[in-house]
N, C-alpha and C. Protein backbone atom coordinates (compact mmCIF):
# COMPACT_ATOMS: atom_id res chain seq x y z
N UNK A 1 8.64 -39.10 -8.86
CA UNK A 1 7.89 -37.85 -9.24
C UNK A 1 7.68 -36.85 -8.24
N UNK A 2 8.25 -35.63 -8.57
CA UNK A 2 7.48 -34.82 -7.40
C UNK A 2 5.85 -34.25 -7.17
N UNK A 3 5.16 -34.74 -6.32
CA UNK A 3 3.72 -34.58 -6.57
C UNK A 3 3.26 -32.73 -6.14
N UNK A 4 4.65 -32.02 -5.96
CA UNK A 4 4.02 -30.66 -5.76
C UNK A 4 4.38 -29.80 -6.82
N UNK A 5 4.65 -30.54 -7.69
CA UNK A 5 5.28 -29.88 -9.08
C UNK A 5 3.41 -28.81 -9.62
N UNK A 6 3.94 -27.74 -9.68
CA UNK A 6 2.76 -27.20 -10.34
C UNK A 6 1.48 -26.71 -9.23
N UNK A 7 1.98 -26.61 -8.14
CA UNK A 7 0.60 -26.41 -6.84
C UNK A 7 1.39 -25.20 -5.85
N UNK A 8 1.96 -24.54 -6.83
CA UNK A 8 2.70 -23.27 -5.94
C UNK A 8 1.60 -22.54 -4.79
N UNK A 9 2.15 -21.94 -3.74
CA UNK A 9 1.14 -21.60 -2.82
C UNK A 9 1.10 -20.26 -2.69
N UNK A 10 0.33 -19.46 -2.56
CA UNK A 10 0.07 -17.98 -2.62
C UNK A 10 1.03 -17.66 -1.12
N UNK A 11 1.48 -16.43 -0.93
CA UNK A 11 2.11 -15.87 -0.17
C UNK A 11 1.28 -15.77 1.12
N UNK A 12 1.27 -15.95 2.09
CA UNK A 12 0.33 -15.68 3.23
C UNK A 12 0.18 -13.98 3.47
N UNK A 13 -1.02 -13.46 3.75
CA UNK A 13 -1.14 -12.22 4.65
C UNK A 13 -0.40 -12.12 5.59
N UNK A 14 -0.12 -11.05 6.15
CA UNK A 14 0.25 -10.65 7.55
C UNK A 14 -1.22 -10.76 8.22
N UNK A 15 -1.08 -11.57 8.97
CA UNK A 15 -2.65 -11.80 10.13
C UNK A 15 -2.11 -10.93 11.05
N UNK A 16 -3.39 -9.91 11.35
CA UNK A 16 -3.23 -8.98 12.31
C UNK A 16 -2.96 -7.92 12.55
N UNK A 17 -2.30 -7.40 11.54
CA UNK A 17 -1.57 -5.96 11.14
C UNK A 17 -2.60 -5.38 9.81
N UNK A 18 -3.38 -4.36 10.87
CA UNK A 18 -4.28 -3.81 10.42
C UNK A 18 -3.68 -2.22 10.44
N UNK A 19 -3.47 -1.36 9.61
CA UNK A 19 -3.04 -0.23 9.57
C UNK A 19 -4.20 0.52 9.85
N UNK A 20 -3.79 2.10 10.91
CA UNK A 20 -4.66 2.62 11.81
C UNK A 20 -5.77 3.18 10.72
N UNK A 21 -7.09 3.02 10.82
CA UNK A 21 -7.97 3.92 9.85
C UNK A 21 -7.91 5.36 10.34
N UNK A 22 -7.62 5.70 11.45
CA UNK A 22 -7.70 7.01 11.59
C UNK A 22 -6.51 8.14 10.72
N UNK A 23 -5.77 7.61 10.25
CA UNK A 23 -4.52 8.10 9.65
C UNK A 23 -5.26 8.18 8.01
N UNK A 24 -4.64 9.22 7.24
CA UNK A 24 -4.50 9.02 6.19
C UNK A 24 -3.87 8.28 4.97
N UNK A 25 -4.56 8.31 4.10
CA UNK A 25 -4.18 7.27 3.07
C UNK A 25 -2.77 6.73 2.97
N UNK A 26 -2.05 7.87 2.48
CA UNK A 26 -0.59 7.86 2.61
C UNK A 26 0.19 7.60 3.52
N UNK A 27 -0.46 7.94 4.91
CA UNK A 27 0.27 7.82 6.12
C UNK A 27 -0.09 6.17 6.47
N UNK A 28 -1.01 5.65 6.10
CA UNK A 28 -1.06 4.01 6.30
C UNK A 28 -0.19 3.20 4.98
N UNK A 29 -0.40 3.87 4.18
CA UNK A 29 0.70 3.66 3.08
C UNK A 29 2.20 3.06 3.65
N UNK A 30 2.45 4.56 4.44
CA UNK A 30 4.08 4.57 4.94
C UNK A 30 4.17 3.32 6.32
N UNK A 31 2.74 3.39 7.04
CA UNK A 31 2.97 2.39 8.09
C UNK A 31 3.08 1.02 7.77
N UNK A 32 2.19 0.56 6.74
CA UNK A 32 2.56 -0.61 6.43
C UNK A 32 3.78 -0.98 5.57
N UNK A 33 4.33 -0.10 5.14
CA UNK A 33 5.83 -0.10 4.38
C UNK A 33 6.78 -0.22 5.10
N UNK A 34 6.39 0.24 6.14
CA UNK A 34 7.66 0.53 7.40
C UNK A 34 7.67 -0.88 8.09
N UNK A 35 6.31 -1.55 8.34
CA UNK A 35 6.13 -2.68 9.22
C UNK A 35 7.07 -4.06 8.27
N UNK A 36 6.45 -3.60 6.90
CA UNK A 36 7.18 -5.01 5.93
C UNK A 36 8.57 -4.78 5.94
N UNK A 37 9.58 -3.64 6.34
CA UNK A 37 11.17 -3.39 6.27
C UNK A 37 10.97 -2.94 4.92
N UNK A 38 10.52 -2.14 4.26
CA UNK A 38 10.72 -1.68 2.55
C UNK A 38 11.74 -0.26 2.88
N UNK A 39 12.57 -0.29 2.25
CA UNK A 39 13.47 0.85 2.05
C UNK A 39 12.59 2.22 2.23
N UNK A 40 13.14 3.31 2.54
CA UNK A 40 12.58 4.74 2.52
C UNK A 40 12.42 5.03 1.02
N UNK A 41 13.40 5.03 0.04
CA UNK A 41 13.49 5.03 -0.89
C UNK A 41 11.97 4.50 -1.74
N UNK A 42 11.76 3.38 -1.38
CA UNK A 42 11.02 2.38 -2.04
C UNK A 42 9.71 3.16 -1.75
N UNK A 43 9.37 3.57 -0.36
CA UNK A 43 8.34 4.50 0.34
C UNK A 43 7.92 5.41 -0.30
N UNK A 44 8.82 6.41 -0.68
CA UNK A 44 8.90 7.35 -1.17
C UNK A 44 8.07 7.29 -2.99
N UNK A 45 8.70 6.60 -3.38
CA UNK A 45 8.41 5.96 -4.78
C UNK A 45 7.33 5.72 -4.92
N UNK A 46 6.70 4.75 -4.11
CA UNK A 46 5.07 4.15 -4.09
C UNK A 46 4.30 5.53 -3.65
N UNK A 47 4.74 6.37 -2.81
CA UNK A 47 3.68 7.44 -2.64
C UNK A 47 3.55 8.36 -3.66
N UNK A 48 4.65 8.63 -4.20
CA UNK A 48 4.84 9.54 -5.41
C UNK A 48 4.06 9.29 -6.69
N UNK A 49 4.12 7.67 -6.74
CA UNK A 49 3.15 7.19 -7.95
C UNK A 49 1.76 7.04 -7.51
N UNK A 50 1.14 6.69 -6.12
CA UNK A 50 0.13 7.02 -5.60
C UNK A 50 -0.81 8.32 -5.81
N UNK A 51 0.08 9.04 -5.69
CA UNK A 51 -0.18 10.47 -6.06
C UNK A 51 -0.63 11.07 -7.43
N UNK A 52 0.63 10.81 -8.14
CA UNK A 52 0.25 10.91 -9.49
C UNK A 52 -0.88 10.22 -10.10
N UNK A 53 -1.04 8.78 -9.51
CA UNK A 53 -2.50 8.26 -10.43
C UNK A 53 -3.47 8.59 -10.02
N UNK A 54 -3.74 9.37 -8.66
CA UNK A 54 -4.96 9.63 -8.26
C UNK A 54 -5.04 11.08 -9.14
N UNK A 55 -4.02 12.42 -9.10
CA UNK A 55 -4.22 12.92 -9.57
C UNK A 55 -4.52 13.03 -11.49
N UNK A 56 -4.10 12.13 -12.09
CA UNK A 56 -4.51 12.07 -13.25
C UNK A 56 -5.51 11.41 -13.41
N UNK A 57 -6.22 10.57 -12.69
CA UNK A 57 -7.59 9.77 -12.93
C UNK A 57 -8.71 10.67 -12.28
N UNK A 58 -8.41 12.03 -11.53
CA UNK A 58 -9.45 13.15 -11.52
C UNK A 58 -9.82 12.69 -10.00
N UNK A 59 -10.48 13.70 -9.37
CA UNK A 59 -10.99 13.09 -8.10
C UNK A 59 -12.41 12.81 -7.87
N UNK A 60 -12.49 11.54 -7.21
CA UNK A 60 -13.74 10.45 -6.94
C UNK A 60 -14.63 11.95 -6.03
N UNK A 61 -15.74 11.54 -6.22
CA UNK A 61 -16.82 11.95 -5.48
C UNK A 61 -16.37 12.50 -3.98
N UNK A 62 -16.03 11.54 -3.42
CA UNK A 62 -15.41 12.18 -1.90
C UNK A 62 -13.91 12.85 -2.49
N UNK A 63 -13.30 13.45 -1.43
CA UNK A 63 -12.21 14.14 -1.48
C UNK A 63 -10.86 13.13 -1.15
N UNK A 64 -10.12 13.04 -2.22
CA UNK A 64 -8.83 12.52 -2.28
C UNK A 64 -7.88 13.63 -1.37
N UNK A 65 -7.97 14.66 -1.73
CA UNK A 65 -6.81 15.80 -1.04
C UNK A 65 -6.98 15.41 0.52
N UNK A 66 -7.96 15.28 0.98
CA UNK A 66 -8.32 14.94 2.66
C UNK A 66 -7.56 13.60 3.00
N UNK A 67 -7.63 12.67 1.65
CA UNK A 67 -6.97 11.39 2.09
C UNK A 67 -5.35 11.32 1.83
N UNK A 68 -5.11 12.15 1.19
CA UNK A 68 -3.79 12.09 0.76
C UNK A 68 -2.98 13.02 1.78
N UNK A 69 -3.70 13.92 2.36
CA UNK A 69 -2.70 14.79 2.86
C UNK A 69 -1.96 15.87 2.67
N UNK A 70 -0.67 16.43 3.32
CA UNK A 70 0.14 17.48 2.31
C UNK A 70 0.83 16.99 1.30
């Protein structure tokens, strides 16, 4: 019998890649998605979903408008 059954390993995080903390939140998202070779349409969908999520749940004490950008 195979002793590895039921012992699935989680995928490793990309070591050494940290998005530029000086960029706004959605720009960091774009940087990571391009690094991982996601399609532009997927990136656009994720950006739009995050914008809708933040706007739906209201603004936290700090300004997300600054973090989201234009």
